[in-house]
Each structure stands twice: as C-alpha cells, then as structure tokens.
Amino acid sequence: MAKCDQGYLCVVCGLEVENIEDSGLYLRYIIGEVREDELQAQPEHHIRCNPVLAQFIVDDNFEPMLVEGPFDKRELDSSEALLREKLVSSGWRRLLEVKSKQLPISEFPLNKQ
C-alpha cells in the first residue's frame, strides 16, 4: 500500500488507526485539547496506546485501563479525576456517535453540540 493510501499511523505502536473510535487524536479534538486546524500536524495514536488518556474513559463498553506511577488518576485529587473522567468518557461516547451519524468534522467537538 502506498503511504498516501494509509490513514494515520500510531506514533506508539506504528499500526494504522483504522477506526475513529480508536483515535486518540480525534478524542482530544472532541474534548477541546486539539484545534481543528491542528489535526493534520498532531501525532496520532490509538486510545489504548495512551493509557494516561485511556484511564479516564469510564464506560461499560470500554475495558478499563490502569496506570501505575505519577500519572495514575488515583493519585490525583478525586474531584479533578472525576471531572476528567466525565470529560474524556463523554468524548469517547461522542466518537461513537460521530461515527454512527457520520457527522461533519466541524460538529465533532462536545462544545458544538
């Protein structure tokens, strides 16, 4: 396959991020950490290849991830961890929604709903 025929490659594992619901880049876009004009320049990674981000997804349809050490959400202030869980979990559910509804990219972010 020609490089131009490939989608985004994960900077962690090197494999293609084939599905938007697995995209750490688009999750970060949805929750407001990446601007639309930065999408082409920011590195891509599978959500599960970034456990520091993935640990904040709390949903029955997402297998929980634990992080040991200084980035462990259990080491954070509990109210801050809860706010981050709410934001990132909502963002992940929004990834599923934008895929199922085939929304335009401008409608992805949570603050545009």
PDB file of N, CA and C in Angstrom:
ATOM      1  N   MET A   1       0.841  -1.173   0.000  1.00  0.00           N
ATOM      2  CA  MET A   1       0.000   0.000   0.000  1.00  0.00           C
ATOM      3  C   MET A   1       0.888   1.239   0.000  1.00  0.00           C
ATOM      4  N   ALA A   2       0.562   2.173  -0.824  1.00  0.00           N
ATOM      5  CA  ALA A   2       1.309   3.431  -0.860  1.00  0.00           C
ATOM      6  C   ALA A   2       1.057   4.208   0.412  1.00  0.00           C
ATOM      7  N   LYS A   3       2.062   4.947   0.856  1.00  0.00           N
ATOM      8  CA  LYS A   3       1.934   5.730   2.088  1.00  0.00           C
ATOM      9  C   LYS A   3       0.725   6.662   2.029  1.00  0.00           C
ATOM     10  N   CYS A   4       0.444   7.235   0.855  1.00  0.00           N
ATOM     11  CA  CYS A   4      -0.681   8.150   0.728  1.00  0.00           C
ATOM     12  C   CYS A   4      -2.022   7.428   0.856  1.00  0.00           C
ATOM     13  N   ASP A   5      -2.028   6.102   0.704  1.00  0.00           N
ATOM     14  CA  ASP A   5      -3.257   5.324   0.848  1.00  0.00           C
ATOM     15  C   ASP A   5      -3.510   4.904   2.291  1.00  0.00           C
ATOM     16  N   GLN A   6      -2.547   5.133   3.163  1.00  0.00           N
ATOM     17  CA  GLN A   6      -2.700   4.761   4.555  1.00  0.00           C
ATOM     18  C   GLN A   6      -3.360   5.885   5.324  1.00  0.00           C
ATOM     19  N   GLY A   7      -4.049   5.502   6.387  1.00  0.00           N
ATOM     20  CA  GLY A   7      -4.594   6.503   7.287  1.00  0.00           C
ATOM     21  C   GLY A   7      -3.508   6.950   8.244  1.00  0.00           C
ATOM     22  N   TYR A   8      -3.920   7.472   9.356  1.00  0.00           N
ATOM     23  CA  TYR A   8      -2.970   7.914  10.373  1.00  0.00           C
ATOM     24  C   TYR A   8      -2.292   6.708  11.016  1.00  0.00           C
ATOM     25  N   LEU A   9      -0.979   6.804  11.211  1.00  0.00           N
ATOM     26  CA  LEU A   9      -0.240   5.747  11.883  1.00  0.00           C
ATOM     27  C   LEU A   9      -0.024   6.136  13.340  1.00  0.00           C
ATOM     28  N   CYS A  10      -0.170   5.186  14.224  1.00  0.00           N
ATOM     29  CA  CYS A  10       0.020   5.400  15.657  1.00  0.00           C
ATOM     30  C   CYS A  10       1.512   5.618  15.931  1.00  0.00           C
ATOM     31  N   VAL A  11       1.823   6.717  16.613  1.00  0.00           N
ATOM     32  CA  VAL A  11       3.224   7.016  16.929  1.00  0.00           C
ATOM     33  C   VAL A  11       3.771   6.091  18.015  1.00  0.00           C
ATOM     34  N   VAL A  12       2.918   5.342  18.669  1.00  0.00           N
ATOM     35  CA  VAL A  12       3.362   4.434  19.728  1.00  0.00           C
ATOM     36  C   VAL A  12       3.642   3.040  19.169  1.00  0.00           C
ATOM     37  N   CYS A  13       2.650   2.447  18.498  1.00  0.00           N
ATOM     38  CA  CYS A  13       2.812   1.063  18.029  1.00  0.00           C
ATOM     39  C   CYS A  13       3.145   0.960  16.546  1.00  0.00           C
ATOM     40  N   GLY A  14       2.948   2.032  15.787  1.00  0.00           N
ATOM     41  CA  GLY A  14       3.263   2.038  14.371  1.00  0.00           C
ATOM     42  C   GLY A  14       2.171   1.498  13.465  1.00  0.00           C
ATOM     43  N   LEU A  15       1.095   0.980  14.033  1.00  0.00           N
ATOM     44  CA  LEU A  15      -0.001   0.449  13.223  1.00  0.00           C
ATOM     45  C   LEU A  15      -0.976   1.561  12.852  1.00  0.00           C
ATOM     46  N   GLU A  16      -1.728   1.326  11.804  1.00  0.00           N
ATOM     47  CA  GLU A  16      -2.715   2.301  11.364  1.00  0.00           C
ATOM     48  C   GLU A  16      -3.858   2.388  12.374  1.00  0.00           C
ATOM     49  N   VAL A  17      -4.311   3.599  12.637  1.00  0.00           N
ATOM     50  CA  VAL A  17      -5.505   3.816  13.456  1.00  0.00           C
ATOM     51  C   VAL A  17      -6.663   3.792  12.466  1.00  0.00           C
ATOM     52  N   GLU A  18      -7.272   2.632  12.340  1.00  0.00           N
ATOM     53  CA  GLU A  18      -8.250   2.396  11.283  1.00  0.00           C
ATOM     54  C   GLU A  18      -9.629   2.953  11.590  1.00  0.00           C
ATOM     55  N   ASN A  19      -9.993   3.029  12.854  1.00  0.00           N
ATOM     56  CA  ASN A  19     -11.346   3.426  13.230  1.00  0.00           C
ATOM     57  C   ASN A  19     -11.326   4.670  14.106  1.00  0.00           C
ATOM     58  N   ILE A  20     -12.235   5.575  13.837  1.00  0.00           N
ATOM     59  CA  ILE A  20     -12.255   6.829  14.581  1.00  0.00           C
ATOM     60  C   ILE A  20     -12.480   6.599  16.072  1.00  0.00           C
ATOM     61  N   GLU A  21     -13.211   5.570  16.427  1.00  0.00           N
ATOM     62  CA  GLU A  21     -13.462   5.319  17.843  1.00  0.00           C
ATOM     63  C   GLU A  21     -12.209   4.844  18.591  1.00  0.00           C
ATOM     64  N   ASP A  22     -11.143   4.571  17.863  1.00  0.00           N
ATOM     65  CA  ASP A  22      -9.858   4.195  18.453  1.00  0.00           C
ATOM     66  C   ASP A  22      -8.844   5.339  18.419  1.00  0.00           C
ATOM     67  N   SER A  23      -9.250   6.488  17.930  1.00  0.00           N
ATOM     68  CA  SER A  23      -8.333   7.597  17.684  1.00  0.00           C
ATOM     69  C   SER A  23      -8.151   8.508  18.891  1.00  0.00           C
ATOM     70  N   GLY A  24      -6.956   8.516  19.418  1.00  0.00           N
ATOM     71  CA  GLY A  24      -6.623   9.440  20.494  1.00  0.00           C
ATOM     72  C   GLY A  24      -6.608  10.878  20.013  1.00  0.00           C
ATOM     73  N   LEU A  25      -6.194  11.094  18.761  1.00  0.00           N
ATOM     74  CA  LEU A  25      -6.160  12.440  18.186  1.00  0.00           C
ATOM     75  C   LEU A  25      -7.571  13.023  18.115  1.00  0.00           C
ATOM     76  N   TYR A  26      -8.502  12.260  17.585  1.00  0.00           N
ATOM     77  CA  TYR A  26      -9.863  12.774  17.456  1.00  0.00           C
ATOM     78  C   TYR A  26     -10.575  12.851  18.806  1.00  0.00           C
ATOM     79  N   LEU A  27     -10.227  12.000  19.731  1.00  0.00           N
ATOM     80  CA  LEU A  27     -10.761  12.135  21.083  1.00  0.00           C
ATOM     81  C   LEU A  27     -10.307  13.463  21.676  1.00  0.00           C
ATOM     82  N   ARG A  28      -9.036  13.770  21.525  1.00  0.00           N
ATOM     83  CA  ARG A  28      -8.506  15.034  22.058  1.00  0.00           C
ATOM     84  C   ARG A  28      -9.125  16.236  21.344  1.00  0.00           C
ATOM     85  N   TYR A  29      -9.438  16.095  20.054  1.00  0.00           N
ATOM     86  CA  TYR A  29     -10.132  17.147  19.312  1.00  0.00           C
ATOM     87  C   TYR A  29     -11.540  17.353  19.877  1.00  0.00           C
ATOM     88  N   ILE A  30     -12.236  16.278  20.080  1.00  0.00           N
ATOM     89  CA  ILE A  30     -13.609  16.338  20.586  1.00  0.00           C
ATOM     90  C   ILE A  30     -13.678  17.003  21.959  1.00  0.00           C
ATOM     91  N   ILE A  31     -12.688  16.722  22.817  1.00  0.00           N
ATOM     92  CA  ILE A  31     -12.740  17.286  24.175  1.00  0.00           C
ATOM     93  C   ILE A  31     -12.064  18.659  24.263  1.00  0.00           C
ATOM     94  N   GLY A  32     -11.609  19.174  23.140  1.00  0.00           N
ATOM     95  CA  GLY A  32     -11.089  20.531  23.103  1.00  0.00           C
ATOM     96  C   GLY A  32      -9.602  20.692  23.352  1.00  0.00           C
ATOM     97  N   GLU A  33      -8.837  19.610  23.303  1.00  0.00           N
ATOM     98  CA  GLU A  33      -7.397  19.697  23.527  1.00  0.00           C
ATOM     99  C   GLU A  33      -6.606  19.923  22.243  1.00  0.00           C
ATOM    100  N   VAL A  34      -7.250  19.723  21.107  1.00  0.00           N
ATOM    101  CA  VAL A  34      -6.633  19.931  19.796  1.00  0.00           C
ATOM    102  C   VAL A  34      -7.628  20.735  18.962  1.00  0.00           C
ATOM    103  N   ARG A  35      -7.129  21.762  18.290  1.00  0.00           N
ATOM    104  CA  ARG A  35      -7.984  22.563  17.403  1.00  0.00           C
ATOM    105  C   ARG A  35      -8.095  21.870  16.043  1.00  0.00           C
ATOM    106  N   GLU A  36      -9.153  22.189  15.331  1.00  0.00           N
ATOM    107  CA  GLU A  36      -9.373  21.576  14.022  1.00  0.00           C
ATOM    108  C   GLU A  36      -8.207  21.834  13.076  1.00  0.00           C
ATOM    109  N   ASP A  37      -7.647  23.038  13.124  1.00  0.00           N
ATOM    110  CA  ASP A  37      -6.538  23.356  12.222  1.00  0.00           C
ATOM    111  C   ASP A  37      -5.232  22.656  12.604  1.00  0.00           C
ATOM    112  N   GLU A  38      -5.202  21.985  13.736  1.00  0.00           N
ATOM    113  CA  GLU A  38      -4.014  21.244  14.174  1.00  0.00           C
ATOM    114  C   GLU A  38      -4.088  19.752  13.858  1.00  0.00           C
ATOM    115  N   LEU A  39      -5.226  19.281  13.387  1.00  0.00           N
ATOM    116  CA  LEU A  39      -5.417  17.836  13.197  1.00  0.00           C
ATOM    117  C   LEU A  39      -4.382  17.212  12.258  1.00  0.00           C
ATOM    118  N   GLN A  40      -4.020  17.905  11.218  1.00  0.00           N
ATOM    119  CA  GLN A  40      -3.050  17.352  10.260  1.00  0.00           C
ATOM    120  C   GLN A  40      -1.626  17.339  10.805  1.00  0.00           C
ATOM    121  N   ALA A  41      -1.341  18.200  11.783  1.00  0.00           N
ATOM    122  CA  ALA A  41       0.031  18.328  12.294  1.00  0.00           C
ATOM    123  C   ALA A  41       0.283  17.551  13.584  1.00  0.00           C
ATOM    124  N   GLN A  42      -0.765  17.195  14.304  1.00  0.00           N
ATOM    125  CA  GLN A  42      -0.601  16.498  15.582  1.00  0.00           C
ATOM    126  C   GLN A  42      -0.376  15.006  15.360  1.00  0.00           C
ATOM    127  N   PRO A  43       0.414  14.370  16.206  1.00  0.00           N
ATOM    128  CA  PRO A  43       0.623  12.922  16.074  1.00  0.00           C
ATOM    129  C   PRO A  43      -0.632  12.144  16.453  1.00  0.00           C
ATOM    130  N   GLU A  44      -0.807  11.023  15.815  1.00  0.00           N
ATOM    131  CA  GLU A  44      -1.952  10.144  16.074  1.00  0.00           C
ATOM    132  C   GLU A  44      -1.507   8.975  16.943  1.00  0.00           C
ATOM    133  N   HIS A  45      -2.427   8.440  17.695  1.00  0.00           N
ATOM    134  CA  HIS A  45      -2.179   7.233  18.491  1.00  0.00           C
ATOM    135  C   HIS A  45      -3.516   6.561  18.785  1.00  0.00           C
ATOM    136  N   HIS A  46      -3.456   5.254  18.949  1.00  0.00           N
ATOM    137  CA  HIS A  46      -4.646   4.545  19.414  1.00  0.00           C
ATOM    138  C   HIS A  46      -4.932   5.003  20.838  1.00  0.00           C
ATOM    139  N   ILE A  47      -6.181   5.100  21.192  1.00  0.00           N
ATOM    140  CA  ILE A  47      -6.537   5.490  22.559  1.00  0.00           C
ATOM    141  C   ILE A  47      -5.851   4.567  23.553  1.00  0.00           C
ATOM    142  N   ARG A  48      -5.872   3.279  23.306  1.00  0.00           N
ATOM    143  CA  ARG A  48      -5.302   2.322  24.254  1.00  0.00           C
ATOM    144  C   ARG A  48      -3.775   2.355  24.267  1.00  0.00           C
ATOM    145  N   CYS A  49      -3.164   2.984  23.262  1.00  0.00           N
ATOM    146  CA  CYS A  49      -1.709   3.159  23.266  1.00  0.00           C
ATOM    147  C   CYS A  49      -1.294   4.360  24.117  1.00  0.00           C
ATOM    148  N   ASN A  50      -2.261   5.091  24.622  1.00  0.00           N
ATOM    149  CA  ASN A  50      -2.009   6.217  25.518  1.00  0.00           C
ATOM    150  C   ASN A  50      -2.801   5.963  26.804  1.00  0.00           C
ATOM    151  N   PRO A  51      -2.286   5.080  27.667  1.00  0.00           N
ATOM    152  CA  PRO A  51      -3.037   4.716  28.867  1.00  0.00           C
ATOM    153  C   PRO A  51      -3.306   5.888  29.804  1.00  0.00           C
ATOM    154  N   VAL A  52      -2.470   6.929  29.770  1.00  0.00           N
ATOM    155  CA  VAL A  52      -2.701   8.091  30.628  1.00  0.00           C
ATOM    156  C   VAL A  52      -4.018   8.762  30.244  1.00  0.00           C
ATOM    157  N   LEU A  53      -4.341   8.787  28.961  1.00  0.00           N
ATOM    158  CA  LEU A  53      -5.630   9.308  28.500  1.00  0.00           C
ATOM    159  C   LEU A  53      -6.731   8.266  28.684  1.00  0.00           C
ATOM    160  N   ALA A  54      -6.459   7.032  28.261  1.00  0.00           N
ATOM    161  CA  ALA A  54      -7.472   5.969  28.269  1.00  0.00           C
ATOM    162  C   ALA A  54      -8.000   5.654  29.665  1.00  0.00           C
ATOM    163  N   GLN A  55      -7.184   5.845  30.696  1.00  0.00           N
ATOM    164  CA  GLN A  55      -7.631   5.522  32.055  1.00  0.00           C
ATOM    165  C   GLN A  55      -8.842   6.351  32.479  1.00  0.00           C
ATOM    166  N   PHE A  56      -9.085   7.460  31.810  1.00  0.00           N
ATOM    167  CA  PHE A  56     -10.188   8.339  32.178  1.00  0.00           C
ATOM    168  C   PHE A  56     -11.498   7.976  31.484  1.00  0.00           C
ATOM    169  N   ILE A  57     -11.473   6.976  30.598  1.00  0.00           N
ATOM    170  CA  ILE A  57     -12.711   6.533  29.963  1.00  0.00           C
ATOM    171  C   ILE A  57     -13.370   5.527  30.892  1.00  0.00           C
ATOM    172  N   VAL A  58     -14.536   5.920  31.363  1.00  0.00           N
ATOM    173  CA  VAL A  58     -15.322   5.061  32.253  1.00  0.00           C
ATOM    174  C   VAL A  58     -16.637   4.784  31.539  1.00  0.00           C
ATOM    175  N   ASP A  59     -16.738   3.590  30.980  1.00  0.00           N
ATOM    176  CA  ASP A  59     -17.913   3.204  30.215  1.00  0.00           C
ATOM    177  C   ASP A  59     -17.954   1.683  30.177  1.00  0.00           C
ATOM    178  N   ASP A  60     -19.142   1.123  30.264  1.00  0.00           N
ATOM    179  CA  ASP A  60     -19.284  -0.335  30.246  1.00  0.00           C
ATOM    180  C   ASP A  60     -18.740  -0.959  28.960  1.00  0.00           C
ATOM    181  N   ASN A  61     -18.684  -0.176  27.886  1.00  0.00           N
ATOM    182  CA  ASN A  61     -18.218  -0.683  26.596  1.00  0.00           C
ATOM    183  C   ASN A  61     -16.738  -0.425  26.344  1.00  0.00           C
ATOM    184  N   PHE A  62     -16.021   0.033  27.353  1.00  0.00           N
ATOM    185  CA  PHE A  62     -14.590   0.286  27.222  1.00  0.00           C
ATOM    186  C   PHE A  62     -13.881  -0.407  28.381  1.00  0.00           C
ATOM    187  N   GLU A  63     -13.002  -1.339  28.029  1.00  0.00           N
ATOM    188  CA  GLU A  63     -12.267  -2.060  29.071  1.00  0.00           C
ATOM    189  C   GLU A  63     -11.367  -1.083  29.823  1.00  0.00           C
ATOM    190  N   PRO A  64     -11.515  -1.003  31.137  1.00  0.00           N
ATOM    191  CA  PRO A  64     -10.731  -0.031  31.919  1.00  0.00           C
ATOM    192  C   PRO A  64      -9.227  -0.259  31.800  1.00  0.00           C
ATOM    193  N   MET A  65      -8.501   0.834  31.888  1.00  0.00           N
ATOM    194  CA  MET A  65      -7.043   0.780  31.896  1.00  0.00           C
ATOM    195  C   MET A  65      -6.552   1.388  33.196  1.00  0.00           C
ATOM    196  N   LEU A  66      -5.516   0.801  33.744  1.00  0.00           N
ATOM    197  CA  LEU A  66      -4.895   1.331  34.945  1.00  0.00           C
ATOM    198  C   LEU A  66      -3.487   1.803  34.608  1.00  0.00           C
ATOM    199  N   VAL A  67      -3.095   2.870  35.254  1.00  0.00           N
ATOM    200  CA  VAL A  67      -1.760   3.425  35.083  1.00  0.00           C
ATOM    201  C   VAL A  67      -1.089   3.398  36.448  1.00  0.00           C
ATOM    202  N   GLU A  68       0.113   2.908  36.491  1.00  0.00           N
ATOM    203  CA  GLU A  68       0.889   2.905  37.735  1.00  0.00           C
ATOM    204  C   GLU A  68       1.856   4.075  37.703  1.00  0.00           C
ATOM    205  N   GLY A  69       2.076   4.695  38.835  1.00  0.00           N
ATOM    206  CA  GLY A  69       3.068   5.751  38.905  1.00  0.00           C
ATOM    207  C   GLY A  69       2.471   7.142  38.979  1.00  0.00           C
ATOM    208  N   PRO A  70       3.275   8.133  38.628  1.00  0.00           N
ATOM    209  CA  PRO A  70       2.878   9.524  38.852  1.00  0.00           C
ATOM    210  C   PRO A  70       1.693   9.998  38.003  1.00  0.00           C
ATOM    211  N   PHE A  71       1.365   9.302  36.918  1.00  0.00           N
ATOM    212  CA  PHE A  71       0.252   9.721  36.073  1.00  0.00           C
ATOM    213  C   PHE A  71      -1.025   8.937  36.348  1.00  0.00           C
ATOM    214  N   ASP A  72      -1.009   8.132  37.386  1.00  0.00           N
ATOM    215  CA  ASP A  72      -2.152   7.344  37.804  1.00  0.00           C
ATOM    216  C   ASP A  72      -3.258   8.285  38.281  1.00  0.00           C
ATOM    217  N   LYS A  73      -4.450   8.163  37.699  1.00  0.00           N
ATOM    218  CA  LYS A  73      -5.546   9.056  38.087  1.00  0.00           C
ATOM    219  C   LYS A  73      -5.912   8.908  39.563  1.00  0.00           C
ATOM    220  N   ARG A  74      -5.571   7.781  40.149  1.00  0.00           N
ATOM    221  CA  ARG A  74      -5.866   7.575  41.579  1.00  0.00           C
ATOM    222  C   ARG A  74      -4.978   8.439  42.459  1.00  0.00           C
ATOM    223  N   GLU A  75      -3.926   8.999  41.861  1.00  0.00           N
ATOM    224  CA  GLU A  75      -3.028   9.888  42.597  1.00  0.00           C
ATOM    225  C   GLU A  75      -3.474  11.354  42.524  1.00  0.00           C
ATOM    226  N   LEU A  76      -4.468  11.615  41.696  1.00  0.00           N
ATOM    227  CA  LEU A  76      -4.975  12.972  41.551  1.00  0.00           C
ATOM    228  C   LEU A  76      -6.000  13.298  42.622  1.00  0.00           C
ATOM    229  N   ASP A  77      -6.274  14.573  42.785  1.00  0.00           N
ATOM    230  CA  ASP A  77      -7.377  15.000  43.625  1.00  0.00           C
ATOM    231  C   ASP A  77      -8.640  14.327  43.070  1.00  0.00           C
ATOM    232  N   SER A  78      -9.441  13.733  43.935  1.00  0.00           N
ATOM    233  CA  SER A  78     -10.583  12.943  43.472  1.00  0.00           C
ATOM    234  C   SER A  78     -11.589  13.767  42.673  1.00  0.00           C
ATOM    235  N   SER A  79     -11.797  15.031  43.039  1.00  0.00           N
ATOM    236  CA  SER A  79     -12.750  15.849  42.281  1.00  0.00           C
ATOM    237  C   SER A  79     -12.205  16.171  40.894  1.00  0.00           C
ATOM    238  N   GLU A  80     -10.888  16.394  40.779  1.00  0.00           N
ATOM    239  CA  GLU A  80     -10.280  16.643  39.470  1.00  0.00           C
ATOM    240  C   GLU A  80     -10.326  15.389  38.601  1.00  0.00           C
ATOM    241  N   ALA A  81     -10.057  14.248  39.204  1.00  0.00           N
ATOM    242  CA  ALA A  81     -10.107  12.982  38.462  1.00  0.00           C
ATOM    243  C   ALA A  81     -11.520  12.725  37.950  1.00  0.00           C
ATOM    244  N   LEU A  82     -12.504  13.014  38.767  1.00  0.00           N
ATOM    245  CA  LEU A  82     -13.898  12.808  38.373  1.00  0.00           C
ATOM    246  C   LEU A  82     -14.286  13.727  37.206  1.00  0.00           C
ATOM    247  N   LEU A  83     -13.843  14.983  37.250  1.00  0.00           N
ATOM    248  CA  LEU A  83     -14.109  15.911  36.147  1.00  0.00           C
ATOM    249  C   LEU A  83     -13.457  15.420  34.854  1.00  0.00           C
ATOM    250  N   ARG A  84     -12.227  14.938  34.958  1.00  0.00           N
ATOM    251  CA  ARG A  84     -11.515  14.432  33.784  1.00  0.00           C
ATOM    252  C   ARG A  84     -12.196  13.173  33.250  1.00  0.00           C
ATOM    253  N   GLU A  85     -12.629  12.292  34.142  1.00  0.00           N
ATOM    254  CA  GLU A  85     -13.360  11.095  33.718  1.00  0.00           C
ATOM    255  C   GLU A  85     -14.622  11.470  32.958  1.00  0.00           C
ATOM    256  N   LYS A  86     -15.357  12.440  33.482  1.00  0.00           N
ATOM    257  CA  LYS A  86     -16.599  12.862  32.835  1.00  0.00           C
ATOM    258  C   LYS A  86     -16.311  13.412  31.433  1.00  0.00           C
ATOM    259  N   LEU A  87     -15.304  14.269  31.310  1.00  0.00           N
ATOM    260  CA  LEU A  87     -14.957  14.866  30.028  1.00  0.00           C
ATOM    261  C   LEU A  87     -14.493  13.816  29.021  1.00  0.00           C
ATOM    262  N   VAL A  88     -13.521  13.001  29.405  1.00  0.00           N
ATOM    263  CA  VAL A  88     -12.943  12.031  28.464  1.00  0.00           C
ATOM    264  C   VAL A  88     -13.948  10.934  28.127  1.00  0.00           C
ATOM    265  N   SER A  89     -14.739  10.494  29.083  1.00  0.00           N
ATOM    266  CA  SER A  89     -15.775   9.482  28.816  1.00  0.00           C
ATOM    267  C   SER A  89     -16.822  10.036  27.857  1.00  0.00           C
ATOM    268  N   SER A  90     -17.238  11.276  28.064  1.00  0.00           N
ATOM    269  CA  SER A  90     -18.198  11.921  27.154  1.00  0.00           C
ATOM    270  C   SER A  90     -17.597  12.047  25.764  1.00  0.00           C
ATOM    271  N   GLY A  91     -16.322  12.388  25.704  1.00  0.00           N
ATOM    272  CA  GLY A  91     -15.644  12.493  24.418  1.00  0.00           C
ATOM    273  C   GLY A  91     -15.590  11.167  23.697  1.00  0.00           C
ATOM    274  N   TRP A  92     -15.311  10.095  24.419  1.00  0.00           N
ATOM    275  CA  TRP A  92     -15.250   8.774  23.784  1.00  0.00           C
ATOM    276  C   TRP A  92     -16.632   8.362  23.268  1.00  0.00           C
ATOM    277  N   ARG A  93     -17.666   8.618  24.052  1.00  0.00           N
ATOM    278  CA  ARG A  93     -19.022   8.315  23.587  1.00  0.00           C
ATOM    279  C   ARG A  93     -19.372   9.165  22.356  1.00  0.00           C
ATOM    280  N   ARG A  94     -18.857  10.392  22.318  1.00  0.00           N
ATOM    281  CA  ARG A  94     -19.085  11.253  21.156  1.00  0.00           C
ATOM    282  C   ARG A  94     -18.384  10.681  19.921  1.00  0.00           C
ATOM    283  N   LEU A  95     -17.204  10.091  20.089  1.00  0.00           N
ATOM    284  CA  LEU A  95     -16.541   9.417  18.958  1.00  0.00           C
ATOM    285  C   LEU A  95     -17.447   8.361  18.346  1.00  0.00           C
ATOM    286  N   LEU A  96     -18.099   7.585  19.195  1.00  0.00           N
ATOM    287  CA  LEU A  96     -19.019   6.552  18.702  1.00  0.00           C
ATOM    288  C   LEU A  96     -20.199   7.181  17.971  1.00  0.00           C
ATOM    289  N   GLU A  97     -20.678   8.293  18.509  1.00  0.00           N
ATOM    290  CA  GLU A  97     -21.818   8.987  17.915  1.00  0.00           C
ATOM    291  C   GLU A  97     -21.468   9.591  16.553  1.00  0.00           C
ATOM    292  N   VAL A  98     -20.317  10.257  16.458  1.00  0.00           N
ATOM    293  CA  VAL A  98     -19.970  10.875  15.175  1.00  0.00           C
ATOM    294  C   VAL A  98     -19.777   9.817  14.094  1.00  0.00           C
ATOM    295  N   LYS A  99     -19.305   8.645  14.502  1.00  0.00           N
ATOM    296  CA  LYS A  99     -19.160   7.563  13.526  1.00  0.00           C
ATOM    297  C   LYS A  99     -20.528   7.061  13.080  1.00  0.00           C
ATOM    298  N   SER A 100     -21.408   6.805  14.032  1.00  0.00           N
ATOM    299  CA  SER A 100     -22.715   6.244  13.679  1.00  0.00           C
ATOM    300  C   SER A 100     -23.574   7.234  12.897  1.00  0.00           C
ATOM    301  N   LYS A 101     -23.451   8.524  13.189  1.00  0.00           N
ATOM    302  CA  LYS A 101     -24.253   9.545  12.496  1.00  0.00           C
ATOM    303  C   LYS A 101     -23.527  10.151  11.302  1.00  0.00           C
ATOM    304  N   GLN A 102     -22.249   9.801  11.127  1.00  0.00           N
ATOM    305  CA  GLN A 102     -21.422  10.326  10.046  1.00  0.00           C
ATOM    306  C   GLN A 102     -21.483  11.859  10.000  1.00  0.00           C
ATOM    307  N   LEU A 103     -21.214  12.456  11.150  1.00  0.00           N
ATOM    308  CA  LEU A 103     -21.257  13.909  11.277  1.00  0.00           C
ATOM    309  C   LEU A 103     -20.052  14.561  10.618  1.00  0.00           C
ATOM    310  N   PRO A 104     -20.205  15.789  10.150  1.00  0.00           N
ATOM    311  CA  PRO A 104     -19.043  16.518   9.616  1.00  0.00           C
ATOM    312  C   PRO A 104     -18.091  16.870  10.752  1.00  0.00           C
ATOM    313  N   ILE A 105     -16.834  16.993  10.417  1.00  0.00           N
ATOM    314  CA  ILE A 105     -15.787  17.212  11.422  1.00  0.00           C
ATOM    315  C   ILE A 105     -16.054  18.449  12.285  1.00  0.00           C
ATOM    316  N   SER A 106     -16.663  19.452  11.721  1.00  0.00           N
ATOM    317  CA  SER A 106     -16.944  20.680  12.483  1.00  0.00           C
ATOM    318  C   SER A 106     -17.941  20.442  13.612  1.00  0.00           C
ATOM    319  N   GLU A 107     -18.686  19.345  13.553  1.00  0.00           N
ATOM    320  CA  GLU A 107     -19.675  19.035  14.593  1.00  0.00           C
ATOM    321  C   GLU A 107     -19.171  18.017  15.618  1.00  0.00           C
ATOM    322  N   PHE A 108     -17.921  17.581  15.492  1.00  0.00           N
ATOM    323  CA  PHE A 108     -17.376  16.595  16.420  1.00  0.00           C
ATOM    324  C   PHE A 108     -17.279  17.102  17.860  1.00  0.00           C
ATOM    325  N   PRO A 109     -16.714  18.302  18.088  1.00  0.00           N
ATOM    326  CA  PRO A 109     -16.442  18.717  19.471  1.00  0.00           C
ATOM    327  C   PRO A 109     -17.680  18.753  20.361  1.00  0.00           C
ATOM    328  N   LEU A 110     -17.457  18.420  21.625  1.00  0.00           N
ATOM    329  CA  LEU A 110     -18.538  18.429  22.606  1.00  0.00           C
ATOM    330  C   LEU A 110     -19.172  19.807  22.729  1.00  0.00           C
ATOM    331  N   ASN A 111     -18.380  20.852  22.647  1.00  0.00           N
ATOM    332  CA  ASN A 111     -18.912  22.202  22.828  1.00  0.00           C
ATOM    333  C   ASN A 111     -19.707  22.697  21.617  1.00  0.00           C
ATOM    334  N   LYS A 112     -19.786  21.919  20.557  1.00  0.00           N
ATOM    335  CA  LYS A 112     -20.536  22.321  19.357  1.00  0.00           C
ATOM    336  C   LYS A 112     -21.890  21.630  19.295  1.00  0.00           C
ATOM    337  N   GLN A 113     -22.201  20.803  20.287  1.00  0.00           N
ATOM    338  CA  GLN A 113     -23.462  20.073  20.260  1.00  0.00           C
ATOM    339  C   GLN A 113     -24.615  20.993  20.555  1.00  0.00           C
TER     340      GLN A 113
END
